[in-house]
C-alpha atoms as a PDB file:
ATOM      1  CA  MET A   1      12.045 131.946 180.645  1.00  0.00           C
ATOM      2  CA  GLN A   2      15.776 134.208 180.209  1.00  0.00           C
ATOM      3  CA  PRO A   3      18.298 131.614 179.182  1.00  0.00           C
ATOM      4  CA  ASN A   4      21.015 130.327 182.033  1.00  0.00           C
ATOM      5  CA  LEU A   5      23.962 132.857 182.234  1.00  0.00           C
ATOM      6  CA  ASN A   6      26.446 129.476 182.072  1.00  0.00           C
ATOM      7  CA  THR A   7      24.718 128.223 179.063  1.00  0.00           C
ATOM      8  CA  ILE A   8      25.154 131.395 177.411  1.00  0.00           C
ATOM      9  CA  ALA A   9      28.958 131.710 178.797  1.00  0.00           C
ATOM     10  CA  LEU A  10      29.429 127.849 177.140  1.00  0.00           C
ATOM     11  CA  ILE A  11      28.154 128.900 173.569  1.00  0.00           C
ATOM     12  CA  LEU A  12      30.161 131.759 173.564  1.00  0.00           C
ATOM     13  CA  PHE A  13      33.742 130.079 174.864  1.00  0.00           C
ATOM     14  CA  ARG A  14      32.979 127.806 172.067  1.00  0.00           C
ATOM     15  CA  LEU A  15      32.630 130.683 170.043  1.00  0.00           C
ATOM     16  CA  SER A  16      35.347 132.478 171.036  1.00  0.00           C
ATOM     17  CA  LEU A  17      37.527 128.636 170.377  1.00  0.00           C
ATOM     18  CA  CYS A  18      36.014 128.468 166.546  1.00  0.00           C
ATOM     19  CA  VAL A  19      37.199 131.756 165.903  1.00  0.00           C
ATOM     20  CA  ILE A  20      41.014 130.966 166.955  1.00  0.00           C
ATOM     21  CA  CYS A  21      40.769 127.409 165.522  1.00  0.00           C
ATOM     22  CA  PHE A  22      39.944 129.480 161.981  1.00  0.00           C
ATOM     23  CA  PHE A  23      42.548 132.030 162.363  1.00  0.00           C
ATOM     24  CA  ALA A  24      45.555 129.454 163.852  1.00  0.00           C
ATOM     25  CA  GLY A  25      44.490 127.619 160.033  1.00  0.00           C
ATOM     26  CA  ALA A  26      44.623 130.776 157.623  1.00  0.00           C
ATOM     27  CA  CYS A  27      48.087 131.547 159.095  1.00  0.00           C
ATOM     28  CA  ALA A  28      50.478 129.453 158.643  1.00  0.00           C
ATOM     29  CA  GLY A  29      53.375 129.230 160.469  1.00  0.00           C
ATOM     30  CA  PRO A  30      57.700 129.630 158.682  1.00  0.00           C
ATOM     31  CA  VAL A  31      58.459 127.188 156.379  1.00  0.00           C
ATOM     32  CA  GLY A  32      61.118 124.544 157.671  1.00  0.00           C
ATOM     33  CA  PRO A  33      64.204 123.792 156.845  1.00  0.00           C
ATOM     34  CA  VAL A  34      65.030 121.387 153.465  1.00  0.00           C
ATOM     35  CA  GLY A  35      65.253 118.207 154.233  1.00  0.00           C
ATOM     36  CA  PRO A  36      68.344 115.947 152.842  1.00  0.00           C
ATOM     37  CA  GLU A  37      68.580 114.694 150.103  1.00  0.00           C
ATOM     38  CA  GLY A  38      67.793 111.472 148.652  1.00  0.00           C
ATOM     39  CA  PRO A  39      69.993 108.765 147.429  1.00  0.00           C
ATOM     40  CA  VAL A  40      70.392 109.070 143.641  1.00  0.00           C
ATOM     41  CA  GLY A  41      68.860 106.329 141.260  1.00  0.00           C
ATOM     42  CA  SER A  42      70.872 103.143 139.587  1.00  0.00           C
ATOM     43  CA  THR A  43      71.658 103.619 136.371  1.00  0.00           C
ATOM     44  CA  GLY A  44      69.374 102.611 133.722  1.00  0.00           C
ATOM     45  CA  GLU A  45      70.632  99.454 131.095  1.00  0.00           C
ATOM     46  CA  ALA A  46      72.232 100.574 127.641  1.00  0.00           C
ATOM     47  CA  GLY A  47      69.747 100.297 125.315  1.00  0.00           C
ATOM     48  CA  PRO A  48      71.075  97.505 121.784  1.00  0.00           C
ATOM     49  CA  GLN A  49      73.583  98.248 119.591  1.00  0.00           C
ATOM     50  CA  GLY A  50      72.408  99.918 116.229  1.00  0.00           C
ATOM     51  CA  GLU A  51      73.086  97.727 112.905  1.00  0.00           C
ATOM     52  CA  ARG A  52      76.291  98.402 110.749  1.00  0.00           C
ATOM     53  CA  GLY A  53      75.913 100.553 108.335  1.00  0.00           C
ATOM     54  CA  LEU A  54      76.676  99.617 104.473  1.00  0.00           C
ATOM     55  CA  ARG A  55      80.459  99.474 103.475  1.00  0.00           C
ATOM     56  CA  GLY A  56      81.595 102.080 100.871  1.00  0.00           C
ATOM     57  CA  GLU A  57      82.276 101.285  97.201  1.00  0.00           C
ATOM     58  CA  ARG A  58      86.785 100.964  96.409  1.00  0.00           C
ATOM     59  CA  GLY A  59      87.936 103.770  94.664  1.00  0.00           C
ATOM     60  CA  GLU A  60      89.959 103.656  91.597  1.00  0.00           C
ATOM     61  CA  ARG A  61      93.558 103.579  92.441  1.00  0.00           C
ATOM     62  CA  GLY A  62      95.807 106.320  92.402  1.00  0.00           C
ATOM     63  CA  PRO A  63      98.629 106.731  89.304  1.00  0.00           C
ATOM     64  CA  GLU A  64     102.239 104.741  89.976  1.00  0.00           C
ATOM     65  CA  GLY A  65     104.292 106.331  92.454  1.00  0.00           C
ATOM     66  CA  PRO A  66     108.193 107.140  91.134  1.00  0.00           C
ATOM     67  CA  ARG A  67     110.604 103.794  90.790  1.00  0.00           C
ATOM     68  CA  GLY A  68     112.747 103.166  93.519  1.00  0.00           C
ATOM     69  CA  ASP A  69     116.624 103.656  93.708  1.00  0.00           C
ATOM     70  CA  TYR A  70     117.101 100.122  91.838  1.00  0.00           C
ATOM     71  CA  ASP A  71     115.966 101.374  88.889  1.00  0.00           C
ATOM     72  CA  ARG A  72     118.002 104.750  88.660  1.00  0.00           C
ATOM     73  CA  GLN A  73     120.777 102.285  87.350  1.00  0.00           C
ATOM     74  CA  ILE A  74     120.057  99.709  84.903  1.00  0.00           C
ATOM     75  CA  ARG A  75     122.853  97.181  83.613  1.00  0.00           C
ATOM     76  CA  VAL A  76     122.691  96.352  80.008  1.00  0.00           C
ATOM     77  CA  VAL A  77     125.353  92.537  79.767  1.00  0.00           C
ATOM     78  CA  LEU A  78     126.849  92.695  76.340  1.00  0.00           C
ATOM     79  CA  TYR A  79     128.830  90.379  77.182  1.00  0.00           C
ATOM     80  CA  ASP A  80     129.700  88.191  79.849  1.00  0.00           C
ATOM     81  CA  GLY A  81     132.458  85.364  80.008  1.00  0.00           C
ATOM     82  CA  GLY A  82     132.017  83.987  83.300  1.00  0.00           C
ATOM     83  CA  ASN A  83     134.288  80.872  84.360  1.00  0.00           C
ATOM     84  CA  GLY A  84     136.682  83.011  82.999  1.00  0.00           C
ATOM     85  CA  SER A  85     135.960  82.332  79.769  1.00  0.00           C
ATOM     86  CA  ILE A  86     137.453  85.416  77.792  1.00  0.00           C
ATOM     87  CA  LYS A  87     137.712  86.546  74.215  1.00  0.00           C
ATOM     88  CA  ILE A  88     141.158  87.385  72.126  1.00  0.00           C
ATOM     89  CA  SER A  89     142.003  88.916  69.250  1.00  0.00           C
ATOM     90  CA  GLY A  90     145.779  90.129  67.782  1.00  0.00           C
ATOM     91  CA  SER A  91     144.301  91.456  64.764  1.00  0.00           C
ATOM     92  CA  THR A  92     143.610  95.806  64.197  1.00  0.00           C
ATOM     93  CA  SER A  93     140.143  95.200  62.771  1.00  0.00           C
ATOM     94  CA  GLY A  94     139.600  92.828  65.511  1.00  0.00           C
ATOM     95  CA  ASN A  95     137.193  89.641  66.415  1.00  0.00           C
ATOM     96  CA  LEU A  96     133.602  89.683  67.217  1.00  0.00           C
ATOM     97  CA  VAL A  97     132.651  89.142  70.862  1.00  0.00           C
ATOM     98  CA  ASP A  98     128.988  89.332  70.976  1.00  0.00           C
ATOM     99  CA  GLU A  99     126.027  91.060  69.853  1.00  0.00           C
ATOM    100  CA  VAL A 100     123.367  92.092  72.162  1.00  0.00           C
ATOM    101  CA  TYR A 101     119.990  92.616  68.936  1.00  0.00           C
ATOM    102  CA  LYS A 102     116.766  95.220  69.237  1.00  0.00           C
ATOM    103  CA  PHE A 103     118.465  97.769  71.486  1.00  0.00           C
ATOM    104  CA  SER A 104     116.699 101.234  71.665  1.00  0.00           C
ATOM    105  CA  ILE A 105     118.060 104.028  73.818  1.00  0.00           C
ATOM    106  CA  ALA A 106     114.127 104.979  73.669  1.00  0.00           C
ATOM    107  CA  HIS A 107     113.367 102.091  75.564  1.00  0.00           C
ATOM    108  CA  TYR A 108     114.167 103.226  79.035  1.00  0.00           C
ATOM    109  CA  PRO A 109     113.035 106.759  79.481  1.00  0.00           C
ATOM    110  CA  GLY A 110     114.419 108.692  81.496  1.00  0.00           C
ATOM    111  CA  VAL A 111     118.257 107.598  80.857  1.00  0.00           C
ATOM    112  CA  ASP A 112     120.060 111.156  80.459  1.00  0.00           C
ATOM    113  CA  SER A 113     123.911 109.056  80.853  1.00  0.00           C
ATOM    114  CA  VAL A 114     125.251 106.080  79.541  1.00  0.00           C
ATOM    115  CA  VAL A 115     128.962 104.315  80.524  1.00  0.00           C
ATOM    116  CA  PHE A 116     130.183 101.527  78.101  1.00  0.00           C
ATOM    117  CA  ALA A 117     132.764  99.391  80.499  1.00  0.00           C
ATOM    118  CA  ALA A 118     134.726  96.760  80.147  1.00  0.00           C
ATOM    119  CA  LYS A 119     136.886  93.648  81.832  1.00  0.00           C
ATOM    120  CA  MET A 120     139.990  93.353  79.709  1.00  0.00           C
ATOM    121  CA  TYR A 121     143.656  93.168  79.820  1.00  0.00           C
ATOM    122  CA  THR A 122     146.566  92.537  77.390  1.00  0.00           C
ATOM    123  CA  THR A 123     149.185  90.086  77.790  1.00  0.00           C
ATOM    124  CA  ASP A 124     151.879  92.337  76.247  1.00  0.00           C
ATOM    125  CA  PRO A 125     152.404  95.483  77.633  1.00  0.00           C
ATOM    126  CA  GLU A 126     154.278  96.330  74.715  1.00  0.00           C
ATOM    127  CA  ASN A 127     150.638  96.260  72.877  1.00  0.00           C
ATOM    128  CA  THR A 128     147.412  97.710  73.657  1.00  0.00           C
ATOM    129  CA  ALA A 129     144.189  95.851  74.102  1.00  0.00           C
ATOM    130  CA  ILE A 130     141.022  97.405  72.561  1.00  0.00           C
ATOM    131  CA  VAL A 131     137.662  96.631  73.145  1.00  0.00           C
ATOM    132  CA  GLU A 132     134.868  98.854  70.870  1.00  0.00           C
ATOM    133  CA  LEU A 133     131.358  99.015  70.873  1.00  0.00           C
ATOM    134  CA  VAL A 134     129.704  98.874  67.540  1.00  0.00           C
ATOM    135  CA  ASN A 135     126.117 100.331  65.722  1.00  0.00           C
ATOM    136  CA  SER A 136     126.210  97.288  63.694  1.00  0.00           C
ATOM    137  CA  THR A 137     123.015  98.516  61.867  1.00  0.00           C
ATOM    138  CA  ASP A 138     124.201 101.910  60.899  1.00  0.00           C
ATOM    139  CA  GLY A 139     127.581 100.829  60.499  1.00  0.00           C
ATOM    140  CA  GLU A 140     129.136 103.072  63.127  1.00  0.00           C
ATOM    141  CA  SER A 141     131.436 102.924  65.944  1.00  0.00           C
ATOM    142  CA  ILE A 142     129.874 104.430  69.217  1.00  0.00           C
ATOM    143  CA  ILE A 143     132.912 104.070  71.599  1.00  0.00           C
ATOM    144  CA  SER A 144     135.962 102.289  72.898  1.00  0.00           C
ATOM    145  CA  VAL A 145     137.935 101.746  76.039  1.00  0.00           C
ATOM    146  CA  GLN A 146     141.949 100.741  75.887  1.00  0.00           C
ATOM    147  CA  THR A 147     144.231  99.266  78.411  1.00  0.00           C
ATOM    148  CA  ASN A 148     148.421  98.157  77.954  1.00  0.00           C
ATOM    149  CA  SER A 149     148.054  96.675  81.307  1.00  0.00           C
ATOM    150  CA  THR A 150     148.708  92.777  81.904  1.00  0.00           C
ATOM    151  CA  GLU A 151     146.398  92.842  85.169  1.00  0.00           C
ATOM    152  CA  SER A 152     142.340  91.826  84.455  1.00  0.00           C
ATOM    153  CA  SER A 153     140.693  95.329  85.506  1.00  0.00           C
ATOM    154  CA  ILE A 154     137.471  97.718  84.322  1.00  0.00           C
ATOM    155  CA  HIS A 155     138.364 100.185  82.338  1.00  0.00           C
ATOM    156  CA  GLU A 156     135.196 102.534  81.311  1.00  0.00           C
ATOM    157  CA  SER A 157     133.932 105.565  79.117  1.00  0.00           C
ATOM    158  CA  SER A 158     130.951 107.865  78.579  1.00  0.00           C
ATOM    159  CA  ILE A 159     128.746 107.941  75.705  1.00  0.00           C
ATOM    160  CA  PRO A 160     127.644 111.300  74.667  1.00  0.00           C
ATOM    161  CA  LEU A 161     123.477 110.017  74.106  1.00  0.00           C
ATOM    162  CA  TYR A 162     123.362 111.215  70.462  1.00  0.00           C
ATOM    163  CA  ARG A 163     125.757 108.012  69.223  1.00  0.00           C
ATOM    164  CA  LEU A 164     122.526 106.181  70.765  1.00  0.00           C
ATOM    165  CA  PRO A 165     120.046 106.504  67.718  1.00  0.00           C
ATOM    166  CA  GLU A 166     116.527 106.304  69.485  1.00  0.00           C
ATOM    167  CA  LYS A 167     115.367 103.247  67.156  1.00  0.00           C
ATOM    168  CA  GLU A 168     115.886  99.596  67.664  1.00  0.00           C
ATOM    169  CA  ILE A 169     120.289  98.734  66.302  1.00  0.00           C
ATOM    170  CA  THR A 170     122.450  95.784  67.002  1.00  0.00           C
ATOM    171  CA  LEU A 171     125.181  96.316  69.075  1.00  0.00           C
ATOM    172  CA  ARG A 172     128.292  94.526  68.431  1.00  0.00           C
ATOM    173  CA  VAL A 173     131.424  93.957  71.238  1.00  0.00           C
ATOM    174  CA  ILE A 174     135.168  93.922  69.358  1.00  0.00           C
ATOM    175  CA  VAL A 175     138.039  93.569  70.843  1.00  0.00           C
ATOM    176  CA  LYS A 176     141.413  94.211  68.975  1.00  0.00           C
ATOM    177  CA  ALA A 177     145.089  95.125  69.389  1.00  0.00           C
ATOM    178  CA  GLN A 178     146.521  98.714  68.054  1.00  0.00           C
ATOM    179  CA  ASN A 179     149.187  96.877  66.510  1.00  0.00           C
ATOM    180  CA  GLN A 180     149.252  93.695  64.326  1.00  0.00           C
ATOM    181  CA  SER A 181     150.218  90.470  66.653  1.00  0.00           C
ATOM    182  CA  LEU A 182     150.721  86.686  66.562  1.00  0.00           C
ATOM    183  CA  SER A 183     150.318  86.661  69.929  1.00  0.00           C
ATOM    184  CA  GLN A 184     146.669  87.524  70.098  1.00  0.00           C
ATOM    185  CA  PRO A 185     147.545  90.317  73.177  1.00  0.00           C
ATOM    186  CA  ALA A 186     144.230  91.396  73.602  1.00  0.00           C
ATOM    187  CA  ARG A 187     141.578  89.966  75.987  1.00  0.00           C
ATOM    188  CA  VAL A 188     138.229  91.132  77.226  1.00  0.00           C
ATOM    189  CA  ALA A 189     136.464  88.890  80.021  1.00  0.00           C
ATOM    190  CA  LYS A 190     133.171  91.354  80.078  1.00  0.00           C
ATOM    191  CA  ALA A 191     131.294  93.901  78.489  1.00  0.00           C
ATOM    192  CA  VAL A 192     128.327  96.087  80.232  1.00  0.00           C
ATOM    193  CA  LEU A 193     126.319  98.834  79.400  1.00  0.00           C
ATOM    194  CA  PHE A 194     125.248 101.270  82.510  1.00  0.00           C
ATOM    195  CA  LEU A 195     122.172 103.690  81.879  1.00  0.00           C
ATOM    196  CA  TYR A 196     121.478 105.969  84.519  1.00  0.00           C
ATOM    197  CA  ARG A 197     118.273 107.912  86.051  1.00  0.00           C
ATOM    198  CA  LYS A 198     118.258 110.997  87.814  1.00  0.00           C
END
């Protein structure tokens, strides 16, 4: 029995469709364009804060700094009459005004100059008032200042450092007149040592 021509044609048509579909799947077309980028996601929550570290040990204290300007001048008050009080003398040997015990220039390191100052005057312009600083421990005169002014004013003089021994001594302030006088013309109201550091 010979096959029907229509049947053969149908079979061939179906086979051709299968072949076409096979090759159509194997040969893919060109790649399409990239689609638009999607939205950025939200930021995540921060993590928990870590614990604080231990505090380090405190360092040692550094050396002491230099002294301020206030210490560049040191005042050692030898006598302060205050309220107008004065010491007087008409003697050439003098009268004791006041004294300071256990003074030593070694107690003031760095001092390179010293000035003795006294506030003084005389009541007799023909006479001269003298105020003297004495090292009574060694029995030596250190320095003196003088005036023949009848107005109270400050008179000063520099003291050579070698006149101040580096040991404890007693300082005395003496007031006296150049010429002996019964009117006691020599008068002193204050006496001060000024010690200076650079």
